[in-house]
Amino acid sequence: MTVRQVRGETHWQRMFGQKEDAIQFQVPQNIDMEDKIIGPLTLIQFLYLLVGGIIDYLLFISFGANFIFWIIGLPVAIFALALAFLKIQDQPLAHFVRAGLVYLRRPKTRLWKREGLVNPIVKEKPGKAKKAPPPAPKRRIEKSELEQLAQTLDTQRVNIKT
């Protein structure tokens, strides 16, 4: 008895002739996740927090710990934290900020430019409109004419050209 007979051969091994000593590779998982560079933070998260911290530090040096620092510095810190950690529908906040800025930059009124269009419709003056010819008067077919036509079609050979 061979090893294959003891273990049993799978359908995959029978089809493709896979050997027992075939090399197996691990397939990477979670490839859509960013790498954690600095502790539990990705590089982008770290940069958002770093820029927010530098701005807050410069504000603190400029204004000291007075009321103006807290009015300006607190929203900057909250915005930096939101950029780093907040996700809406599995999309980072930076995606929505970028989309909002693009929306604000583009014009809101659309103008249609008529360049390069050919006008195939020609308008005629209302006084010179052509009238359609009157319909032909309807002719009433008698029963005898129909019988004669049916007799002709039944008895004569009709050549159809294709």
C-alpha atoms as a PDB file:
ATOM      1  CA  MET A   1       0.000   0.000   0.000  1.00  0.00           C
ATOM      2  CA  THR A   2       1.318   3.437  -0.938  1.00  0.00           C
ATOM      3  CA  VAL A   3       0.934   6.643   0.987  1.00  0.00           C
ATOM      4  CA  ARG A   4      -1.718   7.871  -1.474  1.00  0.00           C
ATOM      5  CA  GLN A   5      -3.800   4.770  -0.973  1.00  0.00           C
ATOM      6  CA  VAL A   6      -3.699   5.170   2.788  1.00  0.00           C
ATOM      7  CA  ARG A   7      -4.518   8.875   2.861  1.00  0.00           C
ATOM      8  CA  GLY A   8      -6.892   8.811  -0.052  1.00  0.00           C
ATOM      9  CA  GLU A   9      -6.405  10.829  -3.188  1.00  0.00           C
ATOM     10  CA  THR A  10      -8.421  14.019  -3.666  1.00  0.00           C
ATOM     11  CA  HIS A  11     -10.219  14.911  -6.865  1.00  0.00           C
ATOM     12  CA  TRP A  12      -7.799  17.805  -7.399  1.00  0.00           C
ATOM     13  CA  GLN A  13      -4.800  15.494  -7.140  1.00  0.00           C
ATOM     14  CA  ARG A  14      -6.316  13.014  -9.600  1.00  0.00           C
ATOM     15  CA  MET A  15      -7.123  15.755 -12.125  1.00  0.00           C
ATOM     16  CA  PHE A  16      -3.848  17.631 -12.070  1.00  0.00           C
ATOM     17  CA  GLY A  17      -1.481  14.981 -10.850  1.00  0.00           C
ATOM     18  CA  GLN A  18      -0.370  16.924  -7.804  1.00  0.00           C
ATOM     19  CA  LYS A  19       2.367  15.154  -5.927  1.00  0.00           C
ATOM     20  CA  GLU A  20       2.495  14.793  -2.181  1.00  0.00           C
ATOM     21  CA  ASP A  21       5.725  16.751  -1.921  1.00  0.00           C
ATOM     22  CA  ALA A  22       4.410  19.759  -3.929  1.00  0.00           C
ATOM     23  CA  ILE A  23       5.441  23.175  -2.677  1.00  0.00           C
ATOM     24  CA  GLN A  24       2.631  25.131  -1.049  1.00  0.00           C
ATOM     25  CA  PHE A  25       2.573  28.919  -0.966  1.00  0.00           C
ATOM     26  CA  GLN A  26       0.701  31.189   1.389  1.00  0.00           C
ATOM     27  CA  VAL A  27      -1.647  33.609  -0.314  1.00  0.00           C
ATOM     28  CA  PRO A  28      -1.478  37.133   1.139  1.00  0.00           C
ATOM     29  CA  GLN A  29      -4.616  38.172   3.025  1.00  0.00           C
ATOM     30  CA  ASN A  30      -5.977  41.647   3.782  1.00  0.00           C
ATOM     31  CA  ILE A  31      -4.020  43.311   1.002  1.00  0.00           C
ATOM     32  CA  ASP A  32      -6.325  46.340   1.047  1.00  0.00           C
ATOM     33  CA  MET A  33      -5.217  47.315   4.578  1.00  0.00           C
ATOM     34  CA  GLU A  34      -2.449  49.872   4.941  1.00  0.00           C
ATOM     35  CA  ASP A  35       0.714  48.863   6.745  1.00  0.00           C
ATOM     36  CA  LYS A  36       1.151  49.945  10.345  1.00  0.00           C
ATOM     37  CA  ILE A  37       4.373  51.942  10.334  1.00  0.00           C
ATOM     38  CA  ILE A  38       4.537  53.719  13.688  1.00  0.00           C
ATOM     39  CA  GLY A  39       2.937  51.648  16.434  1.00  0.00           C
ATOM     40  CA  PRO A  40      -0.761  51.169  15.672  1.00  0.00           C
ATOM     41  CA  LEU A  41      -0.736  54.113  13.195  1.00  0.00           C
ATOM     42  CA  THR A  42      -0.341  54.070   9.451  1.00  0.00           C
ATOM     43  CA  LEU A  43       1.970  56.587   7.821  1.00  0.00           C
ATOM     44  CA  ILE A  44      -0.930  58.805   6.701  1.00  0.00           C
ATOM     45  CA  GLN A  45      -2.486  58.821  10.177  1.00  0.00           C
ATOM     46  CA  PHE A  46       0.861  59.717  11.708  1.00  0.00           C
ATOM     47  CA  LEU A  47       1.357  62.586   9.246  1.00  0.00           C
ATOM     48  CA  TYR A  48      -2.133  64.004   9.949  1.00  0.00           C
ATOM     49  CA  LEU A  49      -1.445  63.945  13.696  1.00  0.00           C
ATOM     50  CA  LEU A  50       2.053  65.383  13.198  1.00  0.00           C
ATOM     51  CA  VAL A  51       0.817  68.326  11.106  1.00  0.00           C
ATOM     52  CA  GLY A  52      -2.035  69.013  13.551  1.00  0.00           C
ATOM     53  CA  GLY A  53       0.400  68.889  16.472  1.00  0.00           C
ATOM     54  CA  ILE A  54       2.864  71.247  14.768  1.00  0.00           C
ATOM     55  CA  ILE A  55       0.081  73.750  14.007  1.00  0.00           C
ATOM     56  CA  ASP A  56      -1.131  73.574  17.618  1.00  0.00           C
ATOM     57  CA  TYR A  57       2.435  73.994  18.902  1.00  0.00           C
ATOM     58  CA  LEU A  58       2.979  77.078  16.714  1.00  0.00           C
ATOM     59  CA  LEU A  59      -0.327  78.530  17.941  1.00  0.00           C
ATOM     60  CA  PHE A  60       0.695  77.887  21.543  1.00  0.00           C
ATOM     61  CA  ILE A  61       4.029  79.642  21.023  1.00  0.00           C
ATOM     62  CA  SER A  62       2.331  82.580  19.288  1.00  0.00           C
ATOM     63  CA  PHE A  63      -0.616  83.171  21.633  1.00  0.00           C
ATOM     64  CA  GLY A  64       0.348  81.363  24.827  1.00  0.00           C
ATOM     65  CA  ALA A  65      -2.312  79.496  26.821  1.00  0.00           C
ATOM     66  CA  ASN A  66      -4.911  82.225  26.496  1.00  0.00           C
ATOM     67  CA  PHE A  67      -8.441  82.261  25.097  1.00  0.00           C
ATOM     68  CA  ILE A  68      -7.399  82.730  21.415  1.00  0.00           C
ATOM     69  CA  PHE A  69      -5.198  79.633  21.512  1.00  0.00           C
ATOM     70  CA  TRP A  70      -8.112  77.493  22.704  1.00  0.00           C
ATOM     71  CA  ILE A  71     -10.526  78.997  20.140  1.00  0.00           C
ATOM     72  CA  ILE A  72      -8.185  78.216  17.222  1.00  0.00           C
ATOM     73  CA  GLY A  73      -6.108  75.286  18.543  1.00  0.00           C
ATOM     74  CA  LEU A  74      -8.941  73.035  19.732  1.00  0.00           C
ATOM     75  CA  PRO A  75     -10.710  72.838  16.315  1.00  0.00           C
ATOM     76  CA  VAL A  76      -7.336  72.202  14.625  1.00  0.00           C
ATOM     77  CA  ALA A  77      -6.614  69.326  17.017  1.00  0.00           C
ATOM     78  CA  ILE A  78     -10.114  67.846  16.596  1.00  0.00           C
ATOM     79  CA  PHE A  79      -9.846  68.106  12.806  1.00  0.00           C
ATOM     80  CA  ALA A  80      -6.427  66.397  12.814  1.00  0.00           C
ATOM     81  CA  LEU A  81      -7.786  63.574  15.012  1.00  0.00           C
ATOM     82  CA  ALA A  82     -10.825  63.203  12.748  1.00  0.00           C
ATOM     83  CA  LEU A  83      -8.634  63.039   9.629  1.00  0.00           C
ATOM     84  CA  ALA A  84      -6.486  60.380  11.257  1.00  0.00           C
ATOM     85  CA  PHE A  85      -9.150  58.117  12.757  1.00  0.00           C
ATOM     86  CA  LEU A  86     -12.692  58.919  11.529  1.00  0.00           C
ATOM     87  CA  LYS A  87     -14.136  56.729   8.784  1.00  0.00           C
ATOM     88  CA  ILE A  88     -17.563  57.198   7.215  1.00  0.00           C
ATOM     89  CA  GLN A  89     -18.931  54.130   5.402  1.00  0.00           C
ATOM     90  CA  ASP A  90     -15.427  52.599   5.423  1.00  0.00           C
ATOM     91  CA  GLN A  91     -14.015  55.687   3.674  1.00  0.00           C
ATOM     92  CA  PRO A  92     -11.525  57.976   5.450  1.00  0.00           C
ATOM     93  CA  LEU A  93     -12.613  61.529   6.208  1.00  0.00           C
ATOM     94  CA  ALA A  94      -9.883  62.827   3.880  1.00  0.00           C
ATOM     95  CA  HIS A  95     -11.819  61.340   0.945  1.00  0.00           C
ATOM     96  CA  PHE A  96     -14.878  63.451   1.818  1.00  0.00           C
ATOM     97  CA  VAL A  97     -12.812  66.584   2.480  1.00  0.00           C
ATOM     98  CA  ARG A  98     -11.155  66.202  -0.920  1.00  0.00           C
ATOM     99  CA  ALA A  99     -14.544  65.685  -2.634  1.00  0.00           C
ATOM    100  CA  GLY A 100     -15.929  68.772  -0.871  1.00  0.00           C
ATOM    101  CA  LEU A 101     -13.014  70.922  -1.997  1.00  0.00           C
ATOM    102  CA  VAL A 102     -13.422  69.748  -5.595  1.00  0.00           C
ATOM    103  CA  TYR A 103     -17.134  70.573  -5.397  1.00  0.00           C
ATOM    104  CA  LEU A 104     -16.427  74.069  -4.076  1.00  0.00           C
ATOM    105  CA  ARG A 105     -13.803  74.738  -6.738  1.00  0.00           C
ATOM    106  CA  ARG A 106     -15.970  73.787  -9.740  1.00  0.00           C
ATOM    107  CA  PRO A 107     -18.559  76.161 -11.198  1.00  0.00           C
ATOM    108  CA  LYS A 108     -22.148  75.525 -10.150  1.00  0.00           C
ATOM    109  CA  THR A 109     -23.810  76.839 -13.312  1.00  0.00           C
ATOM    110  CA  ARG A 110     -23.450  74.778 -16.425  1.00  0.00           C
ATOM    111  CA  LEU A 111     -23.325  76.601 -19.734  1.00  0.00           C
ATOM    112  CA  TRP A 112     -24.017  74.891 -22.998  1.00  0.00           C
ATOM    113  CA  LYS A 113     -21.596  75.953 -25.693  1.00  0.00           C
ATOM    114  CA  ARG A 114     -22.942  75.468 -29.176  1.00  0.00           C
ATOM    115  CA  GLU A 115     -19.562  75.025 -30.868  1.00  0.00           C
ATOM    116  CA  GLY A 116     -19.153  72.468 -33.600  1.00  0.00           C
ATOM    117  CA  LEU A 117     -22.815  71.499 -33.824  1.00  0.00           C
ATOM    118  CA  VAL A 118     -24.540  71.294 -37.178  1.00  0.00           C
ATOM    119  CA  ASN A 119     -28.215  72.181 -37.278  1.00  0.00           C
ATOM    120  CA  PRO A 120     -29.783  69.598 -39.627  1.00  0.00           C
ATOM    121  CA  ILE A 121     -33.325  70.885 -39.089  1.00  0.00           C
ATOM    122  CA  VAL A 122     -34.409  73.596 -41.504  1.00  0.00           C
ATOM    123  CA  LYS A 123     -37.429  75.623 -40.471  1.00  0.00           C
ATOM    124  CA  GLU A 124     -39.743  76.721 -43.248  1.00  0.00           C
ATOM    125  CA  LYS A 125     -41.721  79.903 -43.152  1.00  0.00           C
ATOM    126  CA  PRO A 126     -45.297  79.381 -42.014  1.00  0.00           C
ATOM    127  CA  GLY A 127     -46.821  80.851 -45.193  1.00  0.00           C
ATOM    128  CA  LYS A 128     -45.040  78.454 -47.566  1.00  0.00           C
ATOM    129  CA  ALA A 129     -45.846  75.165 -45.906  1.00  0.00           C
ATOM    130  CA  LYS A 130     -46.600  72.444 -48.429  1.00  0.00           C
ATOM    131  CA  LYS A 131     -49.951  70.792 -48.136  1.00  0.00           C
ATOM    132  CA  ALA A 132     -50.210  67.043 -48.262  1.00  0.00           C
ATOM    133  CA  PRO A 133     -52.010  65.680 -51.335  1.00  0.00           C
ATOM    134  CA  PRO A 134     -55.612  64.758 -50.667  1.00  0.00           C
ATOM    135  CA  PRO A 135     -56.178  61.065 -50.003  1.00  0.00           C
ATOM    136  CA  ALA A 136     -57.329  58.958 -52.933  1.00  0.00           C
ATOM    137  CA  PRO A 137     -61.058  58.273 -52.888  1.00  0.00           C
ATOM    138  CA  LYS A 138     -61.883  54.822 -51.599  1.00  0.00           C
ATOM    139  CA  ARG A 139     -63.218  52.475 -54.206  1.00  0.00           C
ATOM    140  CA  ARG A 140     -65.813  49.984 -53.183  1.00  0.00           C
ATOM    141  CA  ILE A 141     -65.069  46.457 -54.384  1.00  0.00           C
ATOM    142  CA  GLU A 142     -68.060  44.368 -55.359  1.00  0.00           C
ATOM    143  CA  LYS A 143     -68.483  40.716 -54.443  1.00  0.00           C
ATOM    144  CA  SER A 144     -68.363  39.630 -58.076  1.00  0.00           C
ATOM    145  CA  GLU A 145     -64.970  41.307 -58.552  1.00  0.00           C
ATOM    146  CA  LEU A 146     -63.582  39.478 -55.527  1.00  0.00           C
ATOM    147  CA  GLU A 147     -64.868  36.132 -56.819  1.00  0.00           C
ATOM    148  CA  GLN A 148     -63.319  36.803 -60.225  1.00  0.00           C
ATOM    149  CA  LEU A 149     -59.954  37.715 -58.620  1.00  0.00           C
ATOM    150  CA  ALA A 150     -59.992  34.569 -56.451  1.00  0.00           C
ATOM    151  CA  GLN A 151     -60.786  32.406 -59.539  1.00  0.00           C
ATOM    152  CA  THR A 152     -57.887  33.988 -61.434  1.00  0.00           C
ATOM    153  CA  LEU A 153     -55.441  33.412 -58.614  1.00  0.00           C
ATOM    154  CA  ASP A 154     -56.564  29.804 -58.115  1.00  0.00           C
ATOM    155  CA  THR A 155     -56.348  28.785 -61.754  1.00  0.00           C
ATOM    156  CA  GLN A 156     -53.363  30.679 -63.130  1.00  0.00           C
ATOM    157  CA  ARG A 157     -49.726  30.122 -62.296  1.00  0.00           C
ATOM    158  CA  VAL A 158     -48.116  33.097 -60.548  1.00  0.00           C
ATOM    159  CA  ASN A 159     -44.390  33.733 -61.086  1.00  0.00           C
ATOM    160  CA  ILE A 160     -42.751  35.333 -58.088  1.00  0.00           C
ATOM    161  CA  LYS A 161     -39.394  36.942 -58.777  1.00  0.00           C
ATOM    162  CA  THR A 162     -36.951  37.004 -55.901  1.00  0.00           C
END
